[in-house]
Amino acid sequence: MQNTEYRIMGKEDPSAAKQIAALSFLLVKGRRDIRDGRIIPAAEVFAEFERMDRNETD
């Protein structure tokens, strides 16, 4: 992706290449984390938020 110009809505956008590269990096990292088991199921995360919320209101 380096040295590539991107056109967004007919305009040259030099920052688009950086944004696309950053997004690509995050997607690759996320897939590796999933593959390697470095994830917490969403249900567990939200259950923890609920517990924290209940503890704050007590």
PDB file of N, CA and C in Angstrom:
ATOM      1  N   MET A   1       0.800  -1.192   0.000  1.00  0.00           N
ATOM      2  CA  MET A   1       0.000   0.000   0.000  1.00  0.00           C
ATOM      3  C   MET A   1       0.847   1.262   0.000  1.00  0.00           C
ATOM      4  N   GLN A   2       2.108   1.151   0.205  1.00  0.00           N
ATOM      5  CA  GLN A   2       2.932   2.346   0.250  1.00  0.00           C
ATOM      6  C   GLN A   2       3.018   2.966  -1.139  1.00  0.00           C
ATOM      7  N   ASN A   3       3.196   4.289  -1.157  1.00  0.00           N
ATOM      8  CA  ASN A   3       3.317   5.054  -2.389  1.00  0.00           C
ATOM      9  C   ASN A   3       2.115   4.902  -3.297  1.00  0.00           C
ATOM     10  N   THR A   4       0.963   4.703  -2.733  1.00  0.00           N
ATOM     11  CA  THR A   4      -0.260   4.572  -3.512  1.00  0.00           C
ATOM     12  C   THR A   4      -1.154   5.753  -3.209  1.00  0.00           C
ATOM     13  N   GLU A   5      -1.690   6.360  -4.259  1.00  0.00           N
ATOM     14  CA  GLU A   5      -2.631   7.449  -4.057  1.00  0.00           C
ATOM     15  C   GLU A   5      -4.038   6.878  -4.097  1.00  0.00           C
ATOM     16  N   TYR A   6      -4.869   7.359  -3.225  1.00  0.00           N
ATOM     17  CA  TYR A   6      -6.255   6.928  -3.186  1.00  0.00           C
ATOM     18  C   TYR A   6      -7.139   8.108  -3.533  1.00  0.00           C
ATOM     19  N   ARG A   7      -8.185   7.844  -4.243  1.00  0.00           N
ATOM     20  CA  ARG A   7      -9.150   8.885  -4.565  1.00  0.00           C
ATOM     21  C   ARG A   7     -10.448   8.560  -3.843  1.00  0.00           C
ATOM     22  N   ILE A   8     -10.899   9.522  -3.082  1.00  0.00           N
ATOM     23  CA  ILE A   8     -12.148   9.367  -2.357  1.00  0.00           C
ATOM     24  C   ILE A   8     -13.092  10.442  -2.862  1.00  0.00           C
ATOM     25  N   MET A   9     -14.204  10.026  -3.385  1.00  0.00           N
ATOM     26  CA  MET A   9     -15.215  10.924  -3.928  1.00  0.00           C
ATOM     27  C   MET A   9     -14.598  11.903  -4.929  1.00  0.00           C
ATOM     28  N   GLY A  10     -13.702  11.398  -5.766  1.00  0.00           N
ATOM     29  CA  GLY A  10     -13.138  12.206  -6.828  1.00  0.00           C
ATOM     30  C   GLY A  10     -12.003  13.119  -6.414  1.00  0.00           C
ATOM     31  N   LYS A  11     -11.621  13.145  -5.156  1.00  0.00           N
ATOM     32  CA  LYS A  11     -10.536  14.001  -4.690  1.00  0.00           C
ATOM     33  C   LYS A  11      -9.374  13.136  -4.227  1.00  0.00           C
ATOM     34  N   GLU A  12      -8.176  13.626  -4.471  1.00  0.00           N
ATOM     35  CA  GLU A  12      -7.014  12.928  -3.939  1.00  0.00           C
ATOM     36  C   GLU A  12      -6.982  13.136  -2.433  1.00  0.00           C
ATOM     37  N   ASP A  13      -6.748  12.082  -1.710  1.00  0.00           N
ATOM     38  CA  ASP A  13      -6.708  12.169  -0.251  1.00  0.00           C
ATOM     39  C   ASP A  13      -5.461  11.459   0.236  1.00  0.00           C
ATOM     40  N   PRO A  14      -4.367  12.210   0.430  1.00  0.00           N
ATOM     41  CA  PRO A  14      -3.115  11.563   0.838  1.00  0.00           C
ATOM     42  C   PRO A  14      -3.199  10.879   2.198  1.00  0.00           C
ATOM     43  N   SER A  15      -4.107  11.309   3.065  1.00  0.00           N
ATOM     44  CA  SER A  15      -4.208  10.669   4.376  1.00  0.00           C
ATOM     45  C   SER A  15      -4.962   9.350   4.297  1.00  0.00           C
ATOM     46  N   ALA A  16      -5.661   9.097   3.199  1.00  0.00           N
ATOM     47  CA  ALA A  16      -6.435   7.859   3.071  1.00  0.00           C
ATOM     48  C   ALA A  16      -5.534   6.634   3.124  1.00  0.00           C
ATOM     49  N   ALA A  17      -4.364   6.712   2.528  1.00  0.00           N
ATOM     50  CA  ALA A  17      -3.444   5.566   2.546  1.00  0.00           C
ATOM     51  C   ALA A  17      -3.053   5.220   3.980  1.00  0.00           C
ATOM     52  N   LYS A  18      -2.798   6.235   4.796  1.00  0.00           N
ATOM     53  CA  LYS A  18      -2.448   5.988   6.203  1.00  0.00           C
ATOM     54  C   LYS A  18      -3.630   5.393   6.955  1.00  0.00           C
ATOM     55  N   GLN A  19      -4.812   5.907   6.692  1.00  0.00           N
ATOM     56  CA  GLN A  19      -6.004   5.403   7.375  1.00  0.00           C
ATOM     57  C   GLN A  19      -6.276   3.954   6.988  1.00  0.00           C
ATOM     58  N   ILE A  20      -6.126   3.641   5.717  1.00  0.00           N
ATOM     59  CA  ILE A  20      -6.363   2.272   5.250  1.00  0.00           C
ATOM     60  C   ILE A  20      -5.311   1.328   5.837  1.00  0.00           C
ATOM     61  N   ALA A  21      -4.061   1.780   5.882  1.00  0.00           N
ATOM     62  CA  ALA A  21      -2.998   0.948   6.461  1.00  0.00           C
ATOM     63  C   ALA A  21      -3.266   0.687   7.941  1.00  0.00           C
ATOM     64  N   ALA A  22      -3.715   1.719   8.673  1.00  0.00           N
ATOM     65  CA  ALA A  22      -4.003   1.551  10.103  1.00  0.00           C
ATOM     66  C   ALA A  22      -5.163   0.584  10.306  1.00  0.00           C
ATOM     67  N   LEU A  23      -6.201   0.719   9.503  1.00  0.00           N
ATOM     68  CA  LEU A  23      -7.341  -0.185   9.602  1.00  0.00           C
ATOM     69  C   LEU A  23      -6.933  -1.614   9.279  1.00  0.00           C
ATOM     70  N   SER A  24      -6.118  -1.759   8.252  1.00  0.00           N
ATOM     71  CA  SER A  24      -5.616  -3.088   7.875  1.00  0.00           C
ATOM     72  C   SER A  24      -4.847  -3.721   9.031  1.00  0.00           C
ATOM     73  N   PHE A  25      -3.984  -2.931   9.666  1.00  0.00           N
ATOM     74  CA  PHE A  25      -3.205  -3.422  10.795  1.00  0.00           C
ATOM     75  C   PHE A  25      -4.120  -3.904  11.913  1.00  0.00           C
ATOM     76  N   LEU A  26      -5.146  -3.105  12.239  1.00  0.00           N
ATOM     77  CA  LEU A  26      -6.062  -3.482  13.314  1.00  0.00           C
ATOM     78  C   LEU A  26      -6.839  -4.746  12.982  1.00  0.00           C
ATOM     79  N   LEU A  27      -7.238  -4.895  11.733  1.00  0.00           N
ATOM     80  CA  LEU A  27      -7.965  -6.104  11.334  1.00  0.00           C
ATOM     81  C   LEU A  27      -7.076  -7.338  11.444  1.00  0.00           C
ATOM     82  N   VAL A  28      -5.836  -7.222  10.995  1.00  0.00           N
ATOM     83  CA  VAL A  28      -4.900  -8.352  11.083  1.00  0.00           C
ATOM     84  C   VAL A  28      -4.646  -8.705  12.546  1.00  0.00           C
ATOM     85  N   LYS A  29      -4.416  -7.677  13.377  1.00  0.00           N
ATOM     86  CA  LYS A  29      -4.183  -7.925  14.801  1.00  0.00           C
ATOM     87  C   LYS A  29      -5.395  -8.592  15.444  1.00  0.00           C
ATOM     88  N   GLY A  30      -6.581  -8.114  15.117  1.00  0.00           N
ATOM     89  CA  GLY A  30      -7.791  -8.714  15.665  1.00  0.00           C
ATOM     90  C   GLY A  30      -7.951 -10.165  15.277  1.00  0.00           C
ATOM     91  N   ARG A  31      -7.672 -10.464  14.028  1.00  0.00           N
ATOM     92  CA  ARG A  31      -7.777 -11.860  13.575  1.00  0.00           C
ATOM     93  C   ARG A  31      -6.758 -12.748  14.280  1.00  0.00           C
ATOM     94  N   ARG A  32      -5.553 -12.227  14.495  1.00  0.00           N
ATOM     95  CA  ARG A  32      -4.532 -13.002  15.215  1.00  0.00           C
ATOM     96  C   ARG A  32      -4.961 -13.246  16.656  1.00  0.00           C
ATOM     97  N   ASP A  33      -5.515 -12.209  17.285  1.00  0.00           N
ATOM     98  CA  ASP A  33      -5.975 -12.360  18.669  1.00  0.00           C
ATOM     99  C   ASP A  33      -7.058 -13.427  18.758  1.00  0.00           C
ATOM    100  N   ILE A  34      -7.993 -13.416  17.816  1.00  0.00           N
ATOM    101  CA  ILE A  34      -9.049 -14.437  17.800  1.00  0.00           C
ATOM    102  C   ILE A  34      -8.444 -15.815  17.590  1.00  0.00           C
ATOM    103  N   ARG A  35      -7.563 -15.930  16.611  1.00  0.00           N
ATOM    104  CA  ARG A  35      -6.929 -17.211  16.302  1.00  0.00           C
ATOM    105  C   ARG A  35      -6.168 -17.764  17.505  1.00  0.00           C
ATOM    106  N   ASP A  36      -5.484 -16.875  18.228  1.00  0.00           N
ATOM    107  CA  ASP A  36      -4.638 -17.309  19.345  1.00  0.00           C
ATOM    108  C   ASP A  36      -5.380 -17.353  20.676  1.00  0.00           C
ATOM    109  N   GLY A  37      -6.686 -17.114  20.648  1.00  0.00           N
ATOM    110  CA  GLY A  37      -7.486 -17.232  21.861  1.00  0.00           C
ATOM    111  C   GLY A  37      -7.383 -16.064  22.819  1.00  0.00           C
ATOM    112  N   ARG A  38      -6.881 -14.927  22.346  1.00  0.00           N
ATOM    113  CA  ARG A  38      -6.756 -13.753  23.210  1.00  0.00           C
ATOM    114  C   ARG A  38      -8.013 -12.887  23.097  1.00  0.00           C
ATOM    115  N   ILE A  39      -9.130 -13.478  23.427  1.00  0.00           N
ATOM    116  CA  ILE A  39     -10.395 -12.745  23.368  1.00  0.00           C
ATOM    117  C   ILE A  39     -11.207 -13.039  24.622  1.00  0.00           C
ATOM    118  N   ILE A  40     -12.130 -12.160  24.910  1.00  0.00           N
ATOM    119  CA  ILE A  40     -13.103 -12.379  25.977  1.00  0.00           C
ATOM    120  C   ILE A  40     -14.474 -12.262  25.324  1.00  0.00           C
ATOM    121  N   PRO A  41     -15.298 -13.284  25.452  1.00  0.00           N
ATOM    122  CA  PRO A  41     -16.621 -13.207  24.842  1.00  0.00           C
ATOM    123  C   PRO A  41     -17.387 -11.968  25.309  1.00  0.00           C
ATOM    124  N   ALA A  42     -18.113 -11.351  24.409  1.00  0.00           N
ATOM    125  CA  ALA A  42     -18.849 -10.121  24.710  1.00  0.00           C
ATOM    126  C   ALA A  42     -19.788 -10.300  25.894  1.00  0.00           C
ATOM    127  N   ALA A  43     -20.429 -11.447  25.995  1.00  0.00           N
ATOM    128  CA  ALA A  43     -21.360 -11.687  27.102  1.00  0.00           C
ATOM    129  C   ALA A  43     -20.644 -11.557  28.449  1.00  0.00           C
ATOM    130  N   GLU A  44     -19.410 -12.045  28.523  1.00  0.00           N
ATOM    131  CA  GLU A  44     -18.647 -11.931  29.769  1.00  0.00           C
ATOM    132  C   GLU A  44     -18.279 -10.477  30.068  1.00  0.00           C
ATOM    133  N   VAL A  45     -17.908  -9.741  29.036  1.00  0.00           N
ATOM    134  CA  VAL A  45     -17.539  -8.337  29.218  1.00  0.00           C
ATOM    135  C   VAL A  45     -18.730  -7.547  29.741  1.00  0.00           C
ATOM    136  N   PHE A  46     -19.900  -7.721  29.102  1.00  0.00           N
ATOM    137  CA  PHE A  46     -21.073  -6.970  29.523  1.00  0.00           C
ATOM    138  C   PHE A  46     -21.574  -7.410  30.896  1.00  0.00           C
ATOM    139  N   ALA A  47     -21.430  -8.677  31.217  1.00  0.00           N
ATOM    140  CA  ALA A  47     -21.802  -9.145  32.555  1.00  0.00           C
ATOM    141  C   ALA A  47     -20.922  -8.479  33.606  1.00  0.00           C
ATOM    142  N   GLU A  48     -19.644  -8.318  33.303  1.00  0.00           N
ATOM    143  CA  GLU A  48     -18.733  -7.636  34.231  1.00  0.00           C
ATOM    144  C   GLU A  48     -19.129  -6.170  34.386  1.00  0.00           C
ATOM    145  N   PHE A  49     -19.496  -5.516  33.295  1.00  0.00           N
ATOM    146  CA  PHE A  49     -19.977  -4.125  33.382  1.00  0.00           C
ATOM    147  C   PHE A  49     -21.201  -4.036  34.292  1.00  0.00           C
ATOM    148  N   GLU A  50     -22.099  -4.973  34.149  1.00  0.00           N
ATOM    149  CA  GLU A  50     -23.307  -4.986  34.985  1.00  0.00           C
ATOM    150  C   GLU A  50     -22.935  -5.148  36.460  1.00  0.00           C
ATOM    151  N   ARG A  51     -22.012  -6.073  36.763  1.00  0.00           N
ATOM    152  CA  ARG A  51     -21.569  -6.271  38.151  1.00  0.00           C
ATOM    153  C   ARG A  51     -20.934  -4.992  38.700  1.00  0.00           C
ATOM    154  N   MET A  52     -20.090  -4.348  37.888  1.00  0.00           N
ATOM    155  CA  MET A  52     -19.435  -3.114  38.314  1.00  0.00           C
ATOM    156  C   MET A  52     -20.474  -2.023  38.576  1.00  0.00           C
ATOM    157  N   ASP A  53     -21.467  -1.932  37.714  1.00  0.00           N
ATOM    158  CA  ASP A  53     -22.509  -0.932  37.863  1.00  0.00           C
ATOM    159  C   ASP A  53     -23.312  -1.158  39.143  1.00  0.00           C
ATOM    160  N   ARG A  54     -23.653  -2.419  39.403  1.00  0.00           N
ATOM    161  CA  ARG A  54     -24.410  -2.740  40.626  1.00  0.00           C
ATOM    162  C   ARG A  54     -23.588  -2.402  41.860  1.00  0.00           C
ATOM    163  N   ASN A  55     -22.293  -2.679  41.823  1.00  0.00           N
ATOM    164  CA  ASN A  55     -21.430  -2.399  42.979  1.00  0.00           C
ATOM    165  C   ASN A  55     -21.305  -0.912  43.241  1.00  0.00           C
ATOM    166  N   GLU A  56     -21.328  -0.096  42.202  1.00  0.00           N
ATOM    167  CA  GLU A  56     -21.223   1.357  42.370  1.00  0.00           C
ATOM    168  C   GLU A  56     -22.488   1.939  42.988  1.00  0.00           C
ATOM    169  N   THR A  57     -23.630   1.341  42.695  1.00  0.00           N
ATOM    170  CA  THR A  57     -24.897   1.893  43.184  1.00  0.00           C
ATOM    171  C   THR A  57     -25.242   1.385  44.578  1.00  0.00           C
ATOM    172  N   ASP A  58     -24.500   0.399  45.073  1.00  0.00           N
ATOM    173  CA  ASP A  58     -24.777  -0.136  46.426  1.00  0.00           C
ATOM    174  C   ASP A  58     -24.229   0.751  47.499  1.00  0.00           C
TER     175      ASP A  58
END
